[in-house]
Each structure stands twice: as structure tokens, then as C-alpha cells.
């Protein structure tokens, strides 16, 4: 299951009722890995860290939005490279609008958590990251 953050919900509501425009994030979508999520909607998360970890940039065109029922999947593999140190146990992924800091838009739990140790490759095959708005 995935959830929009309060930040994203506010942007959507303001766009729906004409108080602001909502534009695509385009090439400014950064996937982050989280080791803990206390409150997804509030954006209270603990991002992975360690040697070699950075958010992965993906263009909006690399996400399948042709599906129905508010669901999207990655159209290409998402490769975070090889961990140069332990990144912890990854439990969630999320979308930011910047490589560092920025605004968190959406958080989704992994179906199976994964512990990332030094030397582990970290990637998601095409179609394995599914976000569904409920």
C-alpha cells in the first residue's frame, strides 16, 4: 500500500479547487529508500544512509500511468548500485522532488523488507515497484 504525504495532498486539493496549479514533476522524481516510517502522511521517515547510498533519479516517463484504479509501475529497472556499507533494513520507498532535502510526495511499504549489507547490490526489476493510491 502507498500513501500520499500531507504535502502532496495539499497540492492536489489546491489544484482541484483552482487555488494553485499542479504540474508534473518531470525529471525531478527521486526514489528514496527508508529504514523506518513513523508517519507516512506527515513525512516522518528515516532515510537509508551509508557509503554509496543516494536517491535514484527517474523521469516521470519511466512510470506506467496507463493503468486504471490509481496504480503505477516502473517501466525500467531502478538500480541503486552496490552498497559501500550497511544501509540498514529497507522497509519502504518514497518519491521526493529533489536529490537532497526536497518534498516527500508518496511513501509505499515493500512487500518484503530487505537488509542491505556492505557489497550488496540494490535494484528493483521492471514492474516490481507498484504504487497504488487508495
N, C-alpha and C. Protein backbone atom coordinates (compact mmCIF):
# COMPACT_ATOMS: atom_id res chain seq x y z
N UNK A 1 0.84 -1.17 0.00
CA UNK A 1 0.00 0.00 0.00
C UNK A 1 0.89 1.24 0.00
N UNK A 2 0.44 2.28 -0.64
CA UNK A 2 1.19 3.53 -0.66
C UNK A 2 0.27 4.68 -0.27
N UNK A 3 0.88 5.74 0.19
CA UNK A 3 0.10 6.88 0.65
C UNK A 3 0.75 8.18 0.19
N UNK A 4 -0.10 9.11 -0.22
CA UNK A 4 0.39 10.46 -0.45
C UNK A 4 0.71 11.08 0.90
N UNK A 5 1.70 11.94 0.91
CA UNK A 5 2.00 12.69 2.13
C UNK A 5 1.03 13.86 2.23
N UNK A 6 1.00 14.49 3.40
CA UNK A 6 0.17 15.68 3.58
C UNK A 6 0.57 16.76 2.58
N UNK A 7 1.86 16.87 2.31
CA UNK A 7 2.35 17.86 1.33
C UNK A 7 1.69 17.63 -0.02
N UNK A 8 1.70 16.39 -0.51
CA UNK A 8 1.11 16.07 -1.81
C UNK A 8 -0.40 16.27 -1.79
N UNK A 9 -1.05 15.85 -0.73
CA UNK A 9 -2.50 16.02 -0.63
C UNK A 9 -2.89 17.50 -0.70
N UNK A 10 -2.13 18.35 -0.03
CA UNK A 10 -2.40 19.78 -0.07
C UNK A 10 -2.27 20.32 -1.50
N UNK A 11 -1.23 19.90 -2.20
CA UNK A 11 -1.02 20.34 -3.59
C UNK A 11 -2.18 19.90 -4.48
N UNK A 12 -2.64 18.68 -4.31
CA UNK A 12 -3.73 18.14 -5.14
C UNK A 12 -5.03 18.88 -4.86
N UNK A 13 -5.36 19.07 -3.59
CA UNK A 13 -6.60 19.77 -3.22
C UNK A 13 -6.59 21.19 -3.76
N UNK A 14 -5.48 21.89 -3.62
CA UNK A 14 -5.40 23.27 -4.12
C UNK A 14 -5.55 23.31 -5.64
N UNK A 15 -5.00 22.34 -6.33
CA UNK A 15 -5.13 22.28 -7.79
C UNK A 15 -6.57 21.96 -8.19
N UNK A 16 -7.22 21.05 -7.47
CA UNK A 16 -8.60 20.67 -7.79
C UNK A 16 -9.56 21.85 -7.71
N UNK A 17 -9.35 22.71 -6.73
CA UNK A 17 -10.29 23.79 -6.49
C UNK A 17 -9.78 25.14 -7.00
N UNK A 18 -8.78 25.10 -7.85
CA UNK A 18 -8.34 26.29 -8.56
C UNK A 18 -7.50 27.28 -7.79
N UNK A 19 -7.00 26.89 -6.63
CA UNK A 19 -6.18 27.81 -5.85
C UNK A 19 -4.71 27.76 -6.24
N UNK A 20 -4.33 26.78 -7.03
CA UNK A 20 -2.94 26.63 -7.47
C UNK A 20 -2.92 25.65 -8.63
N UNK A 21 -1.83 25.66 -9.36
CA UNK A 21 -1.71 24.69 -10.45
C UNK A 21 -0.85 23.52 -9.98
N UNK A 22 -1.09 22.39 -10.57
CA UNK A 22 -0.31 21.19 -10.26
C UNK A 22 0.38 20.78 -11.55
N UNK A 23 1.69 20.77 -11.53
CA UNK A 23 2.44 20.39 -12.72
C UNK A 23 3.18 19.10 -12.47
N UNK A 24 3.52 18.43 -13.54
CA UNK A 24 4.27 17.19 -13.43
C UNK A 24 5.64 17.44 -12.81
N UNK A 25 6.14 16.46 -12.12
CA UNK A 25 7.49 16.57 -11.57
C UNK A 25 8.54 16.33 -12.66
N UNK A 26 8.10 15.83 -13.82
CA UNK A 26 9.00 15.64 -14.96
C UNK A 26 10.20 14.78 -14.61
N UNK A 27 11.38 15.34 -14.77
CA UNK A 27 12.61 14.61 -14.47
C UNK A 27 13.05 14.78 -13.03
N UNK A 28 12.21 15.40 -12.22
CA UNK A 28 12.56 15.67 -10.83
C UNK A 28 11.88 14.70 -9.88
N UNK A 29 11.93 13.41 -10.19
CA UNK A 29 11.41 12.38 -9.31
C UNK A 29 12.61 11.60 -8.78
N UNK A 30 12.74 11.58 -7.48
CA UNK A 30 13.87 10.90 -6.84
C UNK A 30 13.32 9.83 -5.90
N UNK A 31 13.72 8.60 -6.12
CA UNK A 31 13.27 7.50 -5.28
C UNK A 31 14.23 7.36 -4.11
N UNK A 32 13.66 7.27 -2.93
CA UNK A 32 14.43 7.13 -1.70
C UNK A 32 14.09 5.80 -1.05
N UNK A 33 15.03 5.28 -0.30
CA UNK A 33 14.83 4.06 0.47
C UNK A 33 14.76 4.43 1.95
N UNK A 34 13.81 3.82 2.67
CA UNK A 34 13.62 4.14 4.07
C UNK A 34 13.82 2.91 4.95
N UNK A 35 14.41 3.14 6.11
CA UNK A 35 14.59 2.07 7.10
C UNK A 35 13.52 2.12 8.17
N UNK A 36 12.79 3.22 8.23
CA UNK A 36 11.69 3.35 9.20
C UNK A 36 10.74 4.42 8.71
N UNK A 37 9.45 4.19 8.96
CA UNK A 37 8.42 5.18 8.65
C UNK A 37 7.51 5.26 9.86
N UNK A 38 7.61 6.37 10.59
CA UNK A 38 6.77 6.56 11.77
C UNK A 38 5.39 7.07 11.36
N UNK A 39 5.35 7.96 10.35
CA UNK A 39 4.08 8.52 9.89
C UNK A 39 4.26 8.93 8.43
N UNK A 40 3.78 8.09 7.52
CA UNK A 40 3.97 8.33 6.08
C UNK A 40 3.33 9.65 5.65
N UNK A 41 2.11 9.91 6.10
CA UNK A 41 1.43 11.13 5.67
C UNK A 41 2.15 12.39 6.15
N UNK A 42 2.68 12.36 7.33
CA UNK A 42 3.40 13.52 7.86
C UNK A 42 4.81 13.60 7.30
N UNK A 43 5.26 12.54 6.63
CA UNK A 43 6.61 12.52 6.09
C UNK A 43 7.66 12.25 7.15
N UNK A 44 7.25 11.61 8.24
CA UNK A 44 8.18 11.28 9.31
C UNK A 44 8.83 9.93 8.97
N UNK A 45 9.98 10.01 8.32
CA UNK A 45 10.66 8.82 7.81
C UNK A 45 12.14 8.87 8.18
N UNK A 46 12.77 7.70 8.15
CA UNK A 46 14.22 7.62 8.32
C UNK A 46 14.78 7.08 7.02
N UNK A 47 15.52 7.93 6.31
CA UNK A 47 16.07 7.53 5.02
C UNK A 47 17.33 6.70 5.24
N UNK A 48 17.52 5.73 4.35
CA UNK A 48 18.73 4.91 4.39
C UNK A 48 19.95 5.82 4.27
N UNK A 49 21.05 5.35 4.77
CA UNK A 49 22.31 6.10 4.64
C UNK A 49 23.45 5.11 4.66
N UNK A 50 24.59 5.58 4.26
CA UNK A 50 25.78 4.74 4.22
C UNK A 50 26.51 4.95 2.91
N UNK A 51 27.73 4.52 2.87
CA UNK A 51 28.57 4.71 1.70
C UNK A 51 27.89 4.17 0.44
N UNK A 52 27.80 5.01 -0.58
CA UNK A 52 27.22 4.61 -1.85
C UNK A 52 25.73 4.89 -1.99
N UNK A 53 25.05 5.25 -0.89
CA UNK A 53 23.61 5.49 -0.99
C UNK A 53 23.33 6.92 -1.47
N UNK A 54 22.52 7.03 -2.50
CA UNK A 54 21.93 8.29 -2.93
C UNK A 54 20.55 7.99 -3.48
N UNK A 55 19.70 8.98 -3.47
CA UNK A 55 18.39 8.82 -4.10
C UNK A 55 18.59 8.58 -5.60
N UNK A 56 17.69 7.82 -6.18
CA UNK A 56 17.78 7.48 -7.60
C UNK A 56 16.82 8.36 -8.39
N UNK A 57 17.34 9.12 -9.35
CA UNK A 57 16.52 9.98 -10.18
C UNK A 57 15.89 9.19 -11.32
N UNK A 58 14.59 9.39 -11.51
CA UNK A 58 13.88 8.75 -12.62
C UNK A 58 12.87 9.74 -13.19
N UNK A 59 12.82 9.84 -14.49
CA UNK A 59 11.87 10.73 -15.15
C UNK A 59 10.45 10.19 -15.01
N UNK A 60 9.49 11.08 -15.07
CA UNK A 60 8.09 10.66 -14.98
C UNK A 60 7.73 9.70 -16.12
N UNK A 61 8.43 9.79 -17.25
CA UNK A 61 8.14 8.91 -18.39
C UNK A 61 8.54 7.46 -18.13
N UNK A 62 9.25 7.19 -17.04
CA UNK A 62 9.65 5.81 -16.73
C UNK A 62 8.65 5.12 -15.80
N UNK A 63 7.46 5.73 -15.66
CA UNK A 63 6.40 5.15 -14.85
C UNK A 63 5.17 4.92 -15.71
N UNK A 64 4.56 3.77 -15.59
CA UNK A 64 3.37 3.41 -16.35
C UNK A 64 2.16 4.05 -15.70
N UNK A 65 1.57 4.99 -16.39
CA UNK A 65 0.36 5.64 -15.87
C UNK A 65 -0.85 5.30 -16.73
N UNK A 66 -0.72 4.27 -17.57
CA UNK A 66 -1.83 3.87 -18.43
C UNK A 66 -2.79 2.92 -17.72
N UNK A 67 -2.40 2.47 -16.55
CA UNK A 67 -3.26 1.55 -15.82
C UNK A 67 -4.44 2.30 -15.21
N UNK A 68 -5.38 1.55 -14.71
CA UNK A 68 -6.56 2.15 -14.07
C UNK A 68 -6.49 1.91 -12.58
N UNK A 69 -7.42 2.48 -11.87
CA UNK A 69 -7.54 2.30 -10.42
C UNK A 69 -6.39 2.92 -9.64
N UNK A 70 -5.80 4.00 -10.16
CA UNK A 70 -4.80 4.74 -9.40
C UNK A 70 -3.50 4.01 -9.15
N UNK A 71 -3.09 3.18 -10.09
CA UNK A 71 -1.88 2.38 -9.90
C UNK A 71 -0.83 2.73 -10.95
N UNK A 72 0.43 2.68 -10.56
CA UNK A 72 1.53 2.91 -11.47
C UNK A 72 2.67 1.95 -11.13
N UNK A 73 3.40 1.51 -12.18
CA UNK A 73 4.56 0.62 -12.01
C UNK A 73 5.75 1.20 -12.76
N UNK A 74 6.95 0.84 -12.32
CA UNK A 74 8.15 1.29 -13.00
C UNK A 74 8.31 0.55 -14.34
N UNK A 75 8.60 1.31 -15.39
CA UNK A 75 8.78 0.75 -16.73
C UNK A 75 10.22 0.35 -17.02
N UNK A 76 11.11 0.68 -16.12
CA UNK A 76 12.51 0.28 -16.26
C UNK A 76 13.06 -0.06 -14.88
N UNK A 77 14.16 -0.79 -14.88
CA UNK A 77 14.77 -1.18 -13.61
C UNK A 77 15.22 0.06 -12.84
N UNK A 78 15.19 -0.03 -11.53
CA UNK A 78 15.66 1.04 -10.65
C UNK A 78 16.89 0.49 -9.94
N UNK A 79 18.06 1.01 -10.30
CA UNK A 79 19.33 0.48 -9.80
C UNK A 79 20.00 1.48 -8.88
N UNK A 80 20.13 1.12 -7.61
CA UNK A 80 20.79 1.97 -6.63
C UNK A 80 22.29 1.68 -6.54
N UNK A 81 22.76 0.72 -7.31
CA UNK A 81 24.18 0.37 -7.27
C UNK A 81 24.48 -0.59 -6.13
N UNK A 82 25.75 -0.61 -5.74
CA UNK A 82 26.22 -1.51 -4.70
C UNK A 82 26.50 -0.74 -3.43
N UNK A 83 26.00 -1.26 -2.32
CA UNK A 83 26.22 -0.61 -1.03
C UNK A 83 27.69 -0.68 -0.65
N UNK A 84 28.25 0.47 -0.25
CA UNK A 84 29.64 0.52 0.20
C UNK A 84 29.75 0.34 1.70
N UNK A 85 28.60 0.20 2.34
CA UNK A 85 28.49 -0.03 3.79
C UNK A 85 27.06 -0.48 4.04
N UNK A 86 26.77 -0.87 5.24
CA UNK A 86 25.40 -1.26 5.57
C UNK A 86 24.47 -0.06 5.42
N UNK A 87 23.33 -0.27 4.75
CA UNK A 87 22.31 0.77 4.64
C UNK A 87 21.16 0.50 5.59
N UNK A 88 21.20 -0.61 6.30
CA UNK A 88 20.13 -0.96 7.22
C UNK A 88 19.10 -1.85 6.54
N UNK A 89 17.98 -2.03 7.21
CA UNK A 89 16.88 -2.84 6.67
C UNK A 89 15.89 -1.91 5.98
N UNK A 90 15.75 -2.07 4.68
CA UNK A 90 14.88 -1.22 3.88
C UNK A 90 13.45 -1.75 4.00
N UNK A 91 12.55 -0.88 4.44
CA UNK A 91 11.15 -1.27 4.66
C UNK A 91 10.18 -0.56 3.71
N UNK A 92 10.58 0.63 3.21
CA UNK A 92 9.70 1.46 2.39
C UNK A 92 10.51 2.17 1.31
N UNK A 93 9.81 2.64 0.29
CA UNK A 93 10.38 3.53 -0.70
C UNK A 93 9.49 4.76 -0.79
N UNK A 94 10.06 5.85 -1.29
CA UNK A 94 9.27 7.07 -1.42
C UNK A 94 9.76 7.93 -2.56
N UNK A 95 8.95 8.91 -2.94
CA UNK A 95 9.26 9.85 -4.00
C UNK A 95 9.49 11.25 -3.44
N UNK A 96 10.65 11.81 -3.76
CA UNK A 96 10.96 13.20 -3.43
C UNK A 96 11.03 14.01 -4.72
N UNK A 97 11.01 15.33 -4.59
CA UNK A 97 11.16 16.20 -5.76
C UNK A 97 12.55 16.82 -5.83
N UNK A 98 13.51 16.27 -5.08
CA UNK A 98 14.89 16.76 -5.10
C UNK A 98 15.84 15.65 -4.70
N UNK A 99 17.09 15.78 -5.15
CA UNK A 99 18.11 14.78 -4.84
C UNK A 99 18.47 14.76 -3.36
N UNK A 100 18.42 15.91 -2.72
CA UNK A 100 18.62 16.02 -1.27
C UNK A 100 17.56 16.97 -0.74
N UNK A 101 17.19 16.77 0.50
CA UNK A 101 16.12 17.56 1.11
C UNK A 101 14.87 17.44 0.24
N UNK A 102 14.26 18.54 -0.16
CA UNK A 102 13.08 18.48 -1.02
C UNK A 102 11.83 18.08 -0.27
N UNK A 103 10.77 17.84 -1.06
CA UNK A 103 9.47 17.48 -0.51
C UNK A 103 9.16 16.02 -0.80
N UNK A 104 8.73 15.32 0.21
CA UNK A 104 8.32 13.93 0.07
C UNK A 104 6.87 13.89 -0.39
N UNK A 105 6.61 13.21 -1.52
CA UNK A 105 5.27 13.18 -2.11
C UNK A 105 4.50 11.91 -1.78
N UNK A 106 5.19 10.78 -1.77
CA UNK A 106 4.49 9.50 -1.59
C UNK A 106 5.41 8.49 -0.92
N UNK A 107 4.83 7.62 -0.11
CA UNK A 107 5.56 6.57 0.58
C UNK A 107 4.83 5.25 0.38
N UNK A 108 5.58 4.19 0.11
CA UNK A 108 4.98 2.87 -0.04
C UNK A 108 5.83 1.82 0.66
N UNK A 109 5.17 0.88 1.30
CA UNK A 109 5.86 -0.20 2.00
C UNK A 109 6.28 -1.28 1.01
N UNK A 110 7.45 -1.85 1.22
CA UNK A 110 7.88 -3.01 0.44
C UNK A 110 7.09 -4.22 0.91
N UNK A 111 6.79 -5.13 0.01
CA UNK A 111 6.07 -6.34 0.43
C UNK A 111 6.96 -7.22 1.30
N UNK A 112 8.28 -7.13 1.10
CA UNK A 112 9.25 -7.86 1.92
C UNK A 112 10.40 -6.90 2.22
N UNK A 113 10.70 -6.69 3.50
CA UNK A 113 11.83 -5.84 3.87
C UNK A 113 13.12 -6.51 3.45
N UNK A 114 14.15 -5.68 3.25
CA UNK A 114 15.43 -6.24 2.80
C UNK A 114 16.58 -5.56 3.55
N UNK A 115 17.42 -6.37 4.18
CA UNK A 115 18.61 -5.86 4.84
C UNK A 115 19.71 -5.69 3.80
N UNK A 116 20.29 -4.49 3.76
CA UNK A 116 21.35 -4.18 2.79
C UNK A 116 22.66 -4.07 3.54
N UNK A 117 23.57 -4.98 3.23
CA UNK A 117 24.89 -5.00 3.85
C UNK A 117 25.94 -4.50 2.87
N UNK A 118 27.13 -4.24 3.36
CA UNK A 118 28.25 -3.81 2.53
C UNK A 118 28.44 -4.80 1.38
N UNK A 119 28.51 -4.29 0.16
CA UNK A 119 28.72 -5.12 -1.02
C UNK A 119 27.46 -5.65 -1.68
N UNK A 120 26.30 -5.42 -1.08
CA UNK A 120 25.04 -5.89 -1.67
C UNK A 120 24.61 -4.98 -2.81
N UNK A 121 24.22 -5.57 -3.95
CA UNK A 121 23.60 -4.76 -5.00
C UNK A 121 22.15 -4.48 -4.61
N UNK A 122 21.67 -3.30 -4.97
CA UNK A 122 20.29 -2.93 -4.64
C UNK A 122 19.60 -2.44 -5.91
N UNK A 123 18.60 -3.20 -6.33
CA UNK A 123 17.85 -2.80 -7.53
C UNK A 123 16.45 -3.38 -7.47
N UNK A 124 15.59 -2.80 -8.28
CA UNK A 124 14.21 -3.26 -8.43
C UNK A 124 13.99 -3.51 -9.91
N UNK A 125 13.58 -4.70 -10.26
CA UNK A 125 13.35 -5.05 -11.66
C UNK A 125 12.14 -4.28 -12.20
N UNK A 126 12.06 -4.20 -13.52
CA UNK A 126 10.93 -3.56 -14.19
C UNK A 126 9.62 -4.14 -13.68
N UNK A 127 8.69 -3.27 -13.34
CA UNK A 127 7.36 -3.68 -12.92
C UNK A 127 7.23 -4.14 -11.48
N UNK A 128 8.31 -4.07 -10.70
CA UNK A 128 8.22 -4.56 -9.33
C UNK A 128 7.92 -3.48 -8.30
N UNK A 129 8.05 -2.22 -8.67
CA UNK A 129 7.65 -1.13 -7.78
C UNK A 129 6.27 -0.67 -8.23
N UNK A 130 5.28 -0.97 -7.43
CA UNK A 130 3.90 -0.61 -7.76
C UNK A 130 3.40 0.35 -6.69
N UNK A 131 2.91 1.49 -7.15
CA UNK A 131 2.29 2.45 -6.24
C UNK A 131 0.83 2.55 -6.60
N UNK A 132 0.00 2.42 -5.58
CA UNK A 132 -1.45 2.50 -5.79
C UNK A 132 -2.04 3.48 -4.80
N UNK A 133 -2.79 4.41 -5.32
CA UNK A 133 -3.46 5.40 -4.48
C UNK A 133 -4.80 4.81 -4.07
N UNK A 134 -5.04 4.77 -2.77
CA UNK A 134 -6.28 4.20 -2.25
C UNK A 134 -7.22 5.27 -1.81
